[in-house]
Protein backbone atom coordinates (compact mmCIF):
# COMPACT_ATOMS: atom_id res chain seq x y z
CA MET A 1 -1.79 2.02 11.02
CA PRO A 2 1.62 3.67 11.19
CA PHE A 3 3.29 4.89 8.00
CA GLN A 4 6.99 5.71 7.47
CA VAL A 5 7.84 5.05 11.13
CA GLY A 6 10.97 6.80 12.38
CA THR A 7 11.01 9.43 9.64
CA ALA A 8 9.96 13.09 9.57
CA GLU A 9 6.94 11.96 7.54
CA GLU A 10 5.76 9.48 10.17
CA ARG A 11 2.02 9.51 10.67
CA LYS A 12 -0.61 7.29 12.23
CA LEU A 13 -4.04 6.55 10.86
CA TYR A 14 -6.89 5.21 12.92
CA ARG A 15 -9.96 3.77 11.21
CA ALA A 16 -13.35 3.28 12.80
CA THR A 17 -16.29 1.58 11.12
CA GLN A 18 -19.84 1.46 12.37
CA ILE A 19 -22.38 -0.87 10.80
CA GLU A 20 -26.10 -0.50 11.36
CA GLY A 21 -28.12 -2.84 9.19
CA LYS A 22 -27.11 -2.09 5.60
CA ASP A 23 -25.56 1.28 6.48
CA VAL A 24 -21.78 1.44 6.86
CA LEU A 25 -19.90 4.50 8.08
CA THR A 26 -16.11 4.46 7.97
CA VAL A 27 -14.07 7.32 9.39
CA ASP A 28 -10.30 7.73 9.05
CA VAL A 29 -8.55 9.77 11.71
CA LEU A 30 -5.03 10.96 10.89
CA MET A 31 -2.91 12.17 13.77
CA MET A 32 -1.69 15.70 12.98
CA ARG A 33 2.02 15.90 12.25
CA PRO A 34 4.12 18.72 10.73
CA ILE A 35 4.15 16.90 7.36
CA VAL A 36 0.36 17.37 7.01
CA GLU A 37 0.02 20.65 8.90
CA ASP A 38 -0.80 22.68 5.78
CA ALA A 39 -3.65 20.29 4.95
CA TRP A 40 -4.97 20.65 8.50
CA GLU A 41 -4.73 24.43 8.40
CA SER A 42 -6.99 24.49 5.32
CA ARG A 43 -9.73 22.51 7.08
CA HIS A 44 -13.38 23.48 7.27
CA VAL A 45 -15.93 22.73 9.99
CA PHE A 46 -19.38 21.51 8.96
CA ALA A 47 -22.46 20.84 11.04
CA TRP A 48 -23.62 17.23 10.68
CA LEU A 49 -26.24 15.52 12.81
CA ASP A 50 -26.07 18.38 15.33
CA ARG A 51 -22.29 18.00 15.66
CA ALA A 52 -19.26 19.83 14.32
CA VAL A 53 -17.23 17.74 11.86
CA THR A 54 -13.82 18.94 10.70
CA VAL A 55 -12.90 18.08 7.11
CA VAL A 56 -9.84 18.90 5.03
CA PHE A 57 -10.38 20.35 1.59
CA LEU A 58 -9.64 18.47 -1.63
CA GLU A 59 -6.10 19.84 -1.89
CA GLY A 60 -5.23 18.59 1.61
CA LEU A 61 -6.91 15.23 1.03
CA THR A 62 -5.03 14.86 -2.25
CA LYS A 63 -1.73 15.55 -0.48
CA MET A 64 -2.44 13.04 2.27
CA LYS A 65 -3.63 10.34 -0.15
CA GLY A 66 -0.53 10.96 -2.28
CA MET A 67 1.68 10.30 0.74
CA GLY A 68 0.17 6.86 1.23
CA ASP A 69 1.74 3.82 -0.30
CA ARG A 70 -1.38 1.71 -0.74
CA HIS A 71 -3.10 0.85 -4.00
CA GLN A 72 -6.36 2.14 -2.51
CA ASN A 73 -4.87 5.62 -2.15
CA LEU A 74 -4.08 5.69 -5.87
CA ALA A 75 -7.61 4.54 -6.67
CA ASP A 76 -9.02 7.21 -4.35
CA LEU A 77 -6.95 9.89 -6.08
CA GLU A 78 -8.19 8.74 -9.47
CA ASN A 79 -11.77 8.85 -8.22
CA LEU A 80 -11.20 12.35 -6.88
CA GLY A 81 -9.99 13.45 -10.32
CA SER A 82 -6.52 14.24 -9.06
CA ASP A 83 -3.31 14.19 -11.07
CA PHE A 84 -1.16 13.95 -7.94
CA GLY A 85 2.48 13.54 -8.85
CA ASP A 86 2.02 15.07 -12.31
CA GLU A 87 2.55 18.62 -11.10
CA ASP A 88 5.19 20.88 -12.57
CA PRO A 89 8.28 21.28 -10.35
């Protein structure tokens, strides 16, 4: 899914979902661009199922969700307890 194509904030999101019985795993992969570089730089690597998984911290996730223009992003931010957009200038 491309967002804001042709702008400095252009980014692409790839989503993969694996279903095994009743278990569903969905992973979003965001292609690194300068607009989200600070979120990427604050990442952390965890071991999961004998593999290394790179995850951005809450601040980076909040920034990336705030950049999205989907209703689901706003719902995700609310569920994360974020007040994105209500920050002091």
